[in-house]
Each structure stands twice: as C-alpha cells, then as structure tokens.
Amino acid sequence: MDKSPTSAPLRALEEALHAMRARSREEPAPDLAQRLDRLARLRAVIADNEERFRQAISADFGHRCAVETTIAETMLLFSEIRHATKHLKAWMAPQRVATALQFLPARNRLMPQPLGGVGASGTGAYHGEWGFRTFSKLKPVFYRSGFNRLADLYPPYDGKIARLEKLMRFMSSGTVIPGRA
C-alpha cells in the first residue's frame, strides 16, 4: 500500500528524507572525542554570543529582562551541556544484554547509537522517514483490529450499519439464547 507521493510538497519531503538517509550513511557515528569537542565548541559559541542572544530574544518579546533570558536560556543550555559532557562516556558504553537460550554460547551487546539528525549528528533514518511514518496517523486509518467491535462505529461503514441494526433488534427482542437463561 506504499504509494509514491504525487503532489509537489510530498515529493519534496520524500527527496529530503532520502537525502538525509544518504547523508547519514556517508559518515560514521562520531566517537567520544568528537562529541566532547562538539559540546565544548557549542558551549563556547553560546558564551561568545550570549549578549547577542539576549538582545534578539528581548526584541522578539518586545522587551525581556536580561536576567530572565540568562536564567531561562543560557544557564539552562550550559547545564544541559555540562550534564551531557559528564555522562556521555557512560551513555556510549556498550551494554551486555541477555542472550536467548537457543543462541548460547554467544553473547549480546547493545551498542548505543545517536538518535536523529543527519550524518555526524545522528542516523537520520530512525527519526527521519521512519519516524514520520511511525508517528503519523496512517496506521489507525488503514488498520482496524478484527477483535475490536468498536471499530464498527468508525468509517468506512460499508455494511456495518446493517450489522449494528441487526444486533440492536436482536438485543431488544428479548430473545434468550439456549443454555444462557
């Protein structure tokens, strides 16, 4: 049921998602040193441009107190960068996970990978096209469980109304099912 997009915006979205996927495959995930360097550079950029951020945010709000901007924006970012720097090595460390009996004596390891972004900042595919498909509303529209009788109350109706009417007539007739008295 996978149809190619026909409208220009959908084609542009598909092209962007494919470009993200291709870019994510070109560059391997960054190692610990690269990530720590990027966090340090991010902190430096924020610190160097703190006053410009304050002025821009104040202009956006009409006026915003510099102390409020520092607390709400800059200090929060510095705190998050410090937290990520402190825990990054542990977050990246491979973790041992249980191995199913049929696979013994093999061992399993979970190797954490970055989420989202493109190329060096993440895998792209997980939070790009597949994230879009996962969190879009397509599944509930095209799939209705056969076990869920409430699904009869939602479109498309094609014959559901007749079945519902028949059920209601049966229930209101007072008919007793043999062996259920």
Protein backbone atom coordinates (compact mmCIF):
# COMPACT_ATOMS: atom_id res chain seq x y z
CA MET A 1 0.00 0.00 0.00
CA ASP A 2 3.05 2.21 -0.29
CA LYS A 3 2.19 4.80 -2.94
CA SER A 4 4.67 7.29 -4.25
CA PRO A 5 3.73 10.90 -3.47
CA THR A 6 2.04 12.80 -6.25
CA SER A 7 1.98 16.39 -5.02
CA ALA A 8 5.00 18.66 -5.15
CA PRO A 9 5.27 19.15 -1.34
CA LEU A 10 5.14 15.40 -0.77
CA ARG A 11 7.77 14.80 -3.45
CA ALA A 12 9.98 17.46 -1.85
CA LEU A 13 9.55 15.81 1.56
CA GLU A 14 10.41 12.39 0.13
CA GLU A 15 13.50 13.80 -1.61
CA ALA A 16 14.62 15.49 1.62
CA LEU A 17 14.16 12.27 3.60
CA HIS A 18 16.13 10.25 1.05
CA ALA A 19 18.89 12.88 1.06
CA MET A 20 19.02 12.67 4.87
CA ARG A 21 19.30 8.88 4.72
CA ALA A 22 22.08 9.04 2.10
CA ARG A 23 23.97 11.63 4.17
CA SER A 24 23.64 9.54 7.32
CA ARG A 25 25.24 6.58 5.55
CA GLU A 26 28.22 8.59 4.31
CA GLU A 27 29.65 9.47 7.70
CA PRO A 28 30.08 7.07 10.62
CA ALA A 29 28.80 7.96 14.10
CA PRO A 30 31.26 10.29 15.88
CA ASP A 31 33.47 8.89 18.60
CA LEU A 32 33.67 10.18 22.18
CA ALA A 33 36.44 12.71 21.46
CA GLN A 34 34.50 14.25 18.55
CA ARG A 35 31.33 14.53 20.59
CA LEU A 36 33.10 16.12 23.56
CA ASP A 37 34.80 18.56 21.19
CA ARG A 38 31.44 19.49 19.65
CA LEU A 39 29.88 20.06 23.07
CA ALA A 40 32.84 22.26 24.07
CA ARG A 41 32.53 24.26 20.85
CA LEU A 42 28.79 24.65 21.36
CA ARG A 43 29.39 25.98 24.87
CA ALA A 44 31.98 28.43 23.53
CA VAL A 45 29.64 29.69 20.77
CA ILE A 46 26.85 30.24 23.28
CA ALA A 47 29.18 32.03 25.71
CA ASP A 48 30.67 34.22 22.95
CA ASN A 49 27.24 35.23 21.63
CA GLU A 50 25.31 35.45 24.90
CA GLU A 51 24.72 39.19 24.63
CA ARG A 52 23.52 38.89 21.02
CA PHE A 53 21.06 36.16 22.10
CA ARG A 54 19.79 38.40 24.90
CA GLN A 55 19.22 41.29 22.51
CA ALA A 56 17.49 39.13 19.89
CA ILE A 57 15.20 37.47 22.44
CA SER A 58 14.39 40.83 24.03
CA ALA A 59 13.50 42.20 20.59
CA ASP A 60 11.29 39.16 19.88
CA PHE A 61 9.38 39.60 23.14
CA GLY A 62 9.13 43.39 22.83
CA HIS A 63 11.24 43.53 25.98
CA ARG A 64 12.56 40.77 28.16
CA CYS A 65 14.71 41.15 31.21
CA ALA A 66 18.34 40.15 30.59
CA VAL A 67 18.45 38.16 33.84
CA GLU A 68 15.35 36.18 32.82
CA THR A 69 16.92 35.37 29.44
CA THR A 70 20.16 34.32 31.11
CA ILE A 71 18.37 32.00 33.52
CA ALA A 72 15.81 30.59 31.07
CA GLU A 73 18.03 30.24 28.03
CA THR A 74 21.78 30.43 28.62
CA MET A 75 22.12 28.82 32.04
CA LEU A 76 19.76 26.02 31.01
CA LEU A 77 21.87 25.27 27.94
CA PHE A 78 25.10 25.36 29.93
CA SER A 79 23.56 22.96 32.44
CA GLU A 80 22.50 20.54 29.71
CA ILE A 81 25.91 20.70 28.03
CA ARG A 82 27.62 20.04 31.38
CA HIS A 83 25.28 17.10 32.06
CA ALA A 84 25.87 15.61 28.59
CA THR A 85 29.64 16.04 28.92
CA LYS A 86 29.63 14.32 32.32
CA HIS A 87 27.50 11.33 31.22
CA LEU A 88 28.46 10.94 27.57
CA LYS A 89 31.06 8.21 28.08
CA ALA A 90 28.61 6.07 30.07
CA TRP A 91 25.84 6.67 27.52
CA MET A 92 28.12 5.49 24.71
CA ALA A 93 29.47 2.41 26.51
CA PRO A 94 28.34 -0.95 25.09
CA GLN A 95 25.97 -2.76 27.45
CA ARG A 96 25.69 -6.51 27.93
CA VAL A 97 22.20 -7.83 27.38
CA ALA A 98 20.71 -11.26 27.93
CA THR A 99 21.20 -13.89 25.26
CA ALA A 100 18.34 -16.22 24.39
CA LEU A 101 18.96 -19.85 25.28
CA GLN A 102 19.00 -21.04 21.66
CA PHE A 103 21.85 -18.64 20.87
CA LEU A 104 24.19 -19.73 23.68
CA PRO A 105 27.22 -19.69 23.99
CA ALA A 106 27.05 -16.43 22.02
CA ARG A 107 26.99 -13.07 23.79
CA ASN A 108 24.96 -9.96 23.03
CA ARG A 109 25.92 -6.33 23.40
CA LEU A 110 23.80 -3.23 22.94
CA MET A 111 25.84 -0.54 21.22
CA PRO A 112 24.06 2.83 21.68
CA GLN A 113 23.87 4.99 18.58
CA PRO A 114 22.99 8.67 18.26
CA LEU A 115 19.35 9.46 17.55
CA GLY A 116 18.02 11.85 14.97
CA GLY A 117 19.81 14.31 12.80
CA VAL A 118 21.84 13.61 9.70
CA GLY A 119 25.33 12.26 9.24
CA ALA A 120 27.60 13.10 12.11
CA SER A 121 24.76 14.23 14.34
CA GLY A 122 22.73 11.06 14.04
CA THR A 123 21.46 8.21 11.98
CA GLY A 124 18.82 10.10 10.07
CA ALA A 125 16.73 7.10 9.08
CA TYR A 126 15.35 6.43 12.54
CA HIS A 127 13.93 9.89 13.13
CA GLY A 128 13.59 10.89 9.53
CA GLU A 129 11.31 8.99 7.20
CA TRP A 130 10.55 6.11 9.55
CA GLY A 131 9.86 8.43 12.46
CA PHE A 132 7.47 10.34 10.27
CA ARG A 133 5.70 7.15 9.21
CA THR A 134 5.60 5.76 12.74
CA PHE A 135 4.12 8.83 14.36
CA SER A 136 1.82 9.83 11.54
CA LYS A 137 -1.81 8.87 11.67
CA LEU A 138 -1.68 6.35 8.82
CA LYS A 139 -1.84 3.18 10.90
CA PRO A 140 -5.16 3.86 12.63
CA VAL A 141 -6.72 4.88 9.33
CA PHE A 142 -5.73 1.79 7.36
CA TYR A 143 -5.82 -0.87 10.05
CA ARG A 144 -8.69 -1.87 12.28
CA SER A 145 -8.43 -4.90 14.53
CA GLY A 146 -10.94 -7.65 13.89
CA PHE A 147 -11.24 -8.17 17.63
CA ASN A 148 -12.27 -4.60 18.32
CA ARG A 149 -16.03 -4.33 17.85
CA LEU A 150 -15.84 -0.59 18.44
CA ALA A 151 -14.23 -0.41 15.02
CA ASP A 152 -17.74 -0.88 13.60
CA LEU A 153 -18.59 2.60 14.80
CA TYR A 154 -15.92 4.26 12.65
CA PRO A 155 -15.84 4.83 8.89
CA PRO A 156 -15.72 3.24 6.39
CA TYR A 157 -19.12 1.81 7.27
CA ASP A 158 -19.76 -0.49 4.24
CA GLY A 159 -22.31 -2.86 5.81
CA LYS A 160 -21.53 -2.10 9.43
CA ILE A 161 -24.75 -0.15 9.94
CA ALA A 162 -26.83 -3.15 8.84
CA ARG A 163 -24.94 -5.45 11.23
CA LEU A 164 -25.34 -2.96 14.07
CA GLU A 165 -29.08 -2.61 13.36
CA LYS A 166 -29.48 -6.41 13.30
CA LEU A 167 -27.62 -6.70 16.63
CA MET A 168 -29.77 -3.99 18.24
CA ARG A 169 -33.00 -5.63 17.02
CA PHE A 170 -31.83 -8.98 18.40
CA MET A 171 -30.94 -7.47 21.77
CA SER A 172 -34.24 -5.58 22.06
CA SER A 173 -36.37 -8.59 21.09
CA GLY A 174 -35.75 -10.31 24.42
CA THR A 175 -34.65 -13.49 22.68
CA VAL A 176 -32.91 -15.86 25.04
CA ILE A 177 -30.01 -17.87 23.70
CA PRO A 178 -30.50 -21.57 24.63
CA GLY A 179 -28.37 -22.60 27.62
CA ARG A 180 -27.88 -19.00 28.74
CA ALA A 181 -31.04 -18.50 30.83
